[in-house]
Amino acid sequence: MTPVVMVDKAHLLDRKMLVKVRFLLNFKLDAQSPMAIIMVGQSEI
C-alpha cells in the first residue's frame, strides 16, 4: 500500500515548507515511492 497525503489550500504554503515536502518524497527515490502527495489550491502552485 502507498499512503496518500492530501494538502488543501497548498497555495498558502511558503517556500520553506515546500522544500521540506520535497525532502519527504526524496527518500530512496530510485528504489521506491514512500507516499503520494496531492496538493490542492489556487493555480499559483
PDB file of N, CA and C in Angstrom:
ATOM      1  N   MET A   1       0.829  -1.177   0.000  1.00  0.00           N
ATOM      2  CA  MET A   1       0.000   0.000   0.000  1.00  0.00           C
ATOM      3  C   MET A   1       0.877   1.244   0.000  1.00  0.00           C
ATOM      4  N   THR A   2       0.414   2.264  -0.660  1.00  0.00           N
ATOM      5  CA  THR A   2       1.099   3.550  -0.688  1.00  0.00           C
ATOM      6  C   THR A   2       0.237   4.580   0.026  1.00  0.00           C
ATOM      7  N   PRO A   3       0.770   5.198   1.093  1.00  0.00           N
ATOM      8  CA  PRO A   3      -0.005   6.240   1.766  1.00  0.00           C
ATOM      9  C   PRO A   3      -0.174   7.463   0.862  1.00  0.00           C
ATOM     10  N   VAL A   4      -1.326   8.097   0.960  1.00  0.00           N
ATOM     11  CA  VAL A   4      -1.610   9.307   0.188  1.00  0.00           C
ATOM     12  C   VAL A   4      -1.892  10.434   1.167  1.00  0.00           C
ATOM     13  N   VAL A   5      -1.175  11.546   0.984  1.00  0.00           N
ATOM     14  CA  VAL A   5      -1.376  12.742   1.817  1.00  0.00           C
ATOM     15  C   VAL A   5      -1.978  13.815   0.929  1.00  0.00           C
ATOM     16  N   MET A   6      -3.093  14.380   1.361  1.00  0.00           N
ATOM     17  CA  MET A   6      -3.743  15.436   0.594  1.00  0.00           C
ATOM     18  C   MET A   6      -3.627  16.749   1.362  1.00  0.00           C
ATOM     19  N   VAL A   7      -3.085  17.770   0.692  1.00  0.00           N
ATOM     20  CA  VAL A   7      -2.895  19.077   1.315  1.00  0.00           C
ATOM     21  C   VAL A   7      -3.854  20.059   0.655  1.00  0.00           C
ATOM     22  N   ASP A   8      -4.829  20.540   1.429  1.00  0.00           N
ATOM     23  CA  ASP A   8      -5.766  21.538   0.928  1.00  0.00           C
ATOM     24  C   ASP A   8      -5.182  22.921   1.203  1.00  0.00           C
ATOM     25  N   LYS A   9      -5.512  23.878   0.379  1.00  0.00           N
ATOM     26  CA  LYS A   9      -5.001  25.250   0.471  1.00  0.00           C
ATOM     27  C   LYS A   9      -3.483  25.286   0.407  1.00  0.00           C
ATOM     28  N   ALA A  10      -2.925  24.438  -0.464  1.00  0.00           N
ATOM     29  CA  ALA A  10      -1.482  24.333  -0.596  1.00  0.00           C
ATOM     30  C   ALA A  10      -0.844  25.622  -1.112  1.00  0.00           C
ATOM     31  N   HIS A  11      -1.627  26.482  -1.723  1.00  0.00           N
ATOM     32  CA  HIS A  11      -1.078  27.749  -2.204  1.00  0.00           C
ATOM     33  C   HIS A  11      -0.643  28.658  -1.057  1.00  0.00           C
ATOM     34  N   LEU A  12      -1.060  28.340   0.157  1.00  0.00           N
ATOM     35  CA  LEU A  12      -0.667  29.137   1.321  1.00  0.00           C
ATOM     36  C   LEU A  12       0.655  28.677   1.938  1.00  0.00           C
ATOM     37  N   LEU A  13       1.200  27.552   1.465  1.00  0.00           N
ATOM     38  CA  LEU A  13       2.480  27.067   1.978  1.00  0.00           C
ATOM     39  C   LEU A  13       3.611  27.969   1.494  1.00  0.00           C
ATOM     40  N   ASP A  14       4.541  28.265   2.383  1.00  0.00           N
ATOM     41  CA  ASP A  14       5.684  29.071   1.964  1.00  0.00           C
ATOM     42  C   ASP A  14       6.753  28.180   1.329  1.00  0.00           C
ATOM     43  N   ARG A  15       7.742  28.804   0.735  1.00  0.00           N
ATOM     44  CA  ARG A  15       8.799  28.085   0.017  1.00  0.00           C
ATOM     45  C   ARG A  15       9.542  27.113   0.928  1.00  0.00           C
ATOM     46  N   LYS A  16       9.765  27.507   2.167  1.00  0.00           N
ATOM     47  CA  LYS A  16      10.479  26.655   3.127  1.00  0.00           C
ATOM     48  C   LYS A  16       9.738  25.331   3.361  1.00  0.00           C
ATOM     49  N   MET A  17       8.429  25.415   3.476  1.00  0.00           N
ATOM     50  CA  MET A  17       7.629  24.211   3.708  1.00  0.00           C
ATOM     51  C   MET A  17       7.605  23.325   2.462  1.00  0.00           C
ATOM     52  N   LEU A  18       7.561  23.924   1.274  1.00  0.00           N
ATOM     53  CA  LEU A  18       7.571  23.125   0.038  1.00  0.00           C
ATOM     54  C   LEU A  18       8.882  22.374  -0.120  1.00  0.00           C
ATOM     55  N   VAL A  19       9.985  22.973   0.320  1.00  0.00           N
ATOM     56  CA  VAL A  19      11.279  22.287   0.273  1.00  0.00           C
ATOM     57  C   VAL A  19      11.259  21.086   1.219  1.00  0.00           C
ATOM     58  N   LYS A  20      10.648  21.237   2.389  1.00  0.00           N
ATOM     59  CA  LYS A  20      10.554  20.113   3.334  1.00  0.00           C
ATOM     60  C   LYS A  20       9.715  18.980   2.755  1.00  0.00           C
ATOM     61  N   VAL A  21       8.655  19.313   2.057  1.00  0.00           N
ATOM     62  CA  VAL A  21       7.817  18.297   1.418  1.00  0.00           C
ATOM     63  C   VAL A  21       8.628  17.561   0.351  1.00  0.00           C
ATOM     64  N   ARG A  22       9.436  18.293  -0.401  1.00  0.00           N
ATOM     65  CA  ARG A  22      10.280  17.671  -1.430  1.00  0.00           C
ATOM     66  C   ARG A  22      11.249  16.671  -0.808  1.00  0.00           C
ATOM     67  N   PHE A  23      11.807  17.012   0.357  1.00  0.00           N
ATOM     68  CA  PHE A  23      12.718  16.089   1.030  1.00  0.00           C
ATOM     69  C   PHE A  23      11.993  14.829   1.492  1.00  0.00           C
ATOM     70  N   LEU A  24      10.744  14.937   1.878  1.00  0.00           N
ATOM     71  CA  LEU A  24       9.966  13.753   2.264  1.00  0.00           C
ATOM     72  C   LEU A  24       9.834  12.773   1.100  1.00  0.00           C
ATOM     73  N   LEU A  25       9.652  13.320  -0.095  1.00  0.00           N
ATOM     74  CA  LEU A  25       9.454  12.475  -1.269  1.00  0.00           C
ATOM     75  C   LEU A  25      10.763  11.983  -1.860  1.00  0.00           C
ATOM     76  N   ASN A  26      11.882  12.505  -1.408  1.00  0.00           N
ATOM     77  CA  ASN A  26      13.185  12.175  -1.975  1.00  0.00           C
ATOM     78  C   ASN A  26      13.806  10.935  -1.320  1.00  0.00           C
ATOM     79  N   PHE A  27      13.104  10.254  -0.456  1.00  0.00           N
ATOM     80  CA  PHE A  27      13.611   9.080   0.245  1.00  0.00           C
ATOM     81  C   PHE A  27      13.680   7.894  -0.700  1.00  0.00           C
ATOM     82  N   LYS A  28      14.883   7.386  -0.966  1.00  0.00           N
ATOM     83  CA  LYS A  28      15.083   6.239  -1.869  1.00  0.00           C
ATOM     84  C   LYS A  28      14.305   6.424  -3.170  1.00  0.00           C
ATOM     85  N   LEU A  29      14.466   7.593  -3.765  1.00  0.00           N
ATOM     86  CA  LEU A  29      13.676   7.971  -4.936  1.00  0.00           C
ATOM     87  C   LEU A  29      13.778   6.960  -6.075  1.00  0.00           C
ATOM     88  N   ASP A  30      14.969   6.420  -6.300  1.00  0.00           N
ATOM     89  CA  ASP A  30      15.121   5.491  -7.408  1.00  0.00           C
ATOM     90  C   ASP A  30      14.695   4.065  -7.069  1.00  0.00           C
ATOM     91  N   ALA A  31      14.439   3.771  -5.797  1.00  0.00           N
ATOM     92  CA  ALA A  31      14.081   2.416  -5.400  1.00  0.00           C
ATOM     93  C   ALA A  31      12.584   2.249  -5.101  1.00  0.00           C
ATOM     94  N   GLN A  32      11.999   3.262  -4.502  1.00  0.00           N
ATOM     95  CA  GLN A  32      10.594   3.148  -4.110  1.00  0.00           C
ATOM     96  C   GLN A  32       9.975   4.523  -3.981  1.00  0.00           C
ATOM     97  N   SER A  33       8.678   4.544  -3.910  1.00  0.00           N
ATOM     98  CA  SER A  33       7.943   5.783  -3.695  1.00  0.00           C
ATOM     99  C   SER A  33       7.263   5.675  -2.335  1.00  0.00           C
ATOM    100  N   PRO A  34       7.737   6.417  -1.320  1.00  0.00           N
ATOM    101  CA  PRO A  34       7.227   6.227   0.030  1.00  0.00           C
ATOM    102  C   PRO A  34       5.789   6.690   0.224  1.00  0.00           C
ATOM    103  N   MET A  35       5.346   7.663  -0.590  1.00  0.00           N
ATOM    104  CA  MET A  35       3.989   8.173  -0.444  1.00  0.00           C
ATOM    105  C   MET A  35       3.638   9.007  -1.666  1.00  0.00           C
ATOM    106  N   ALA A  36       2.383   9.317  -1.788  1.00  0.00           N
ATOM    107  CA  ALA A  36       1.916  10.226  -2.830  1.00  0.00           C
ATOM    108  C   ALA A  36       1.342  11.448  -2.144  1.00  0.00           C
ATOM    109  N   ILE A  37       1.607  12.611  -2.704  1.00  0.00           N
ATOM    110  CA  ILE A  37       1.075  13.857  -2.152  1.00  0.00           C
ATOM    111  C   ILE A  37       0.226  14.536  -3.215  1.00  0.00           C
ATOM    112  N   ILE A  38      -0.990  14.902  -2.831  1.00  0.00           N
ATOM    113  CA  ILE A  38      -1.881  15.654  -3.708  1.00  0.00           C
ATOM    114  C   ILE A  38      -2.015  17.041  -3.101  1.00  0.00           C
ATOM    115  N   MET A  39      -1.594  18.049  -3.839  1.00  0.00           N
ATOM    116  CA  MET A  39      -1.642  19.427  -3.364  1.00  0.00           C
ATOM    117  C   MET A  39      -2.764  20.157  -4.088  1.00  0.00           C
ATOM    118  N   VAL A  40      -3.736  20.626  -3.328  1.00  0.00           N
ATOM    119  CA  VAL A  40      -4.907  21.290  -3.890  1.00  0.00           C
ATOM    120  C   VAL A  40      -4.869  22.752  -3.465  1.00  0.00           C
ATOM    121  N   GLY A  41      -5.077  23.634  -4.420  1.00  0.00           N
ATOM    122  CA  GLY A  41      -5.076  25.053  -4.099  1.00  0.00           C
ATOM    123  C   GLY A  41      -5.273  25.888  -5.346  1.00  0.00           C
ATOM    124  N   GLN A  42      -4.901  27.128  -5.249  1.00  0.00           N
ATOM    125  CA  GLN A  42      -5.004  28.040  -6.378  1.00  0.00           C
ATOM    126  C   GLN A  42      -3.967  27.692  -7.422  1.00  0.00           C
ATOM    127  N   SER A  43      -4.057  28.258  -8.578  1.00  0.00           N
ATOM    128  CA  SER A  43      -3.187  27.895  -9.696  1.00  0.00           C
ATOM    129  C   SER A  43      -1.767  28.438  -9.575  1.00  0.00           C
ATOM    130  N   GLU A  44      -1.416  29.154  -8.512  1.00  0.00           N
ATOM    131  CA  GLU A  44      -0.059  29.671  -8.351  1.00  0.00           C
ATOM    132  C   GLU A  44       0.955  28.569  -8.119  1.00  0.00           C
ATOM    133  N   ILE A  45       0.507  27.381  -7.743  1.00  0.00           N
ATOM    134  CA  ILE A  45       1.428  26.300  -7.388  1.00  0.00           C
ATOM    135  C   ILE A  45       2.074  25.744  -8.631  1.00  0.00           C
TER     136      ILE A  45
END
